[in-house]
Amino acid sequence: MNHASILAEQLLNGLSENAIPQVQQAVRQVVLRDKSALAETFYRFMLQDPAAAQFLSIKAVEDRLKPGMERWLERLFCYETTDELQAVLAMQRHIGEIHARADIPVHLVARGMRLLKREIIQRLLETDLQREQLISAVLRTDQLIDIAFEEMSEAFVHSHESGVRVDESYRMFATGTNLALEREKQIGALLDWENRLFRAVATEMPFDDIATLSNSAFGLWLHHKANLIFDETHELEMIEECIRRIDQTLFPQLTLRRRGNLQSEEIRTLVKAVMSEMEQLKYLLSTMFERLTDLEIGRDVLTQLFNRRFLPTIMRREINLNRRKGGGLCMLMLDIDFFKLVNDQHGHDAGDRVLQHVAALLINQVRVSDFVFRYGGEEFLIVLAEVDQAQAEAVAEKIRSRVAADDIPLSDGRTLRVTLSIGIALFDGHPDYQRMVERADKALYAAKHAGRNRWVLAD
């Protein structure tokens, strides 16, 4: 008998020994009668709590969470057998894992459990139970909710600790890239932005094509990947401050005054200030890179893409960033059509070449701020940051058409072509990233079912 079975048996025996049939029935009747009101009270309270409200939306509460809470109350308080109690405990562990993936603090759940206890006990006080029966009913309510919370908390802690270990592994993986090349690439991006700005100032050209530094290629890399590599070091804060001074003060002033006398002391002062800030940025960036060592851990050996084990780390960070700043978030699930035929007809060496070729195409079709994973087998996964639906669809179509049109060279001199089926899932506000994965996977299946070589947007 496994741990869950033993625990369920012990709990059932302990609760049954202390329970009088009349008491059990009274608690069940209260819960069944008022489960809708209890769920309503629970989520009204949570939506009013600023710490909890960020993980909820009114639509999600009405459409999914309230009905789920009602079912949970009924199953927890109205079980009959050990098997039914085991199912309740298994559900609690699953909820704990979801909360860990969504990074929902356990103390918020504890706060909600206390509220449910209070509400149920208040209703028990209004029944006609005698004093001893009432005490038994209150104790049973207290025990059942504590048992559920204990199971959920244990699963939460286990899953959270596992996530912490993966986070640390990801940082080690991130530092395993060619750091010298990455440093030069980002310094080059800074220089490119600086040169474009100064050319526009010097030639009085429009600033329309020049994004703020925060929205440049360097800014996007900084927001979505630098924190993962450098783990929010002090230099990152200083870089953010430099960018804010440039974007919010110096850049707007240059925009307003560039039509004046370009030789004026005021313009020269602004240009020198921008140059000073940019030099500081380059120095801070170099300092951070110099602290890291060159490791080779966690990389997919064949394609050199991200390993899927880092998906939880990246998605938690991207969801939290999206929650704070907005800007859109999207996931593409991609599968090479009829890949088994490639292996069967041309051999596994050809299959490896196809995977490597497609991986290189994917990297070249997305931005430096996006994340590309080899999800498993012939499946890939892409996380697109700061995109809306139209942009996500455009990226999916660009990838689909590019792969379909490319000749893949084989070792014997021949070439072949493959196509992709793609599922697109937009972030819908749900804090558990696994929900987004499942929606993208269902959309991918729909694309396969509809004839392959196409993309489908998840509902």
Foldseek 3Di string as FASTA:
>chain_A
DDPLLVVLVVVVVVLVVLADVVLLVLLLVLLLVCLLVLLVVLVVVQCVDVLRVLQDDPVCSVPPVSVVSSVLSNLLSPDDDSVSSSVSLVVLLVVLLLCLLLVRDLVSVVVSLVSSLVVSLVVLVVDPDDPSSSVSNSVSSVVSSVSSSVSSNVSNVVNNVVLVVLLVLQLLQLLQDPLVVVLVVLLVQLVVLLVVVVVCLVVVNACPPRDQPCPGLNNLCLLQPVCSNQVPDPLSVVLVVLSCCCRVPLVVVSNVPSPDDCPDPVNVVSSVSNVVSSVSNSVSSVVSSVVGDHDNGQADVLQRFHECSCVSVSLSSLLVVCSVPNQWKKKKKKAWPPLVVCCVVPNVQSSSLLLNVLSVLLVVLAGPSKGKYPHDDRMIMIMHGRDDPVVVQVSVLVSQVVQQPDWGADPVGHTDGIGMEMFMEIDPSNSNCVVRVVQRVVQSVVSVVVPGSHGGYGD
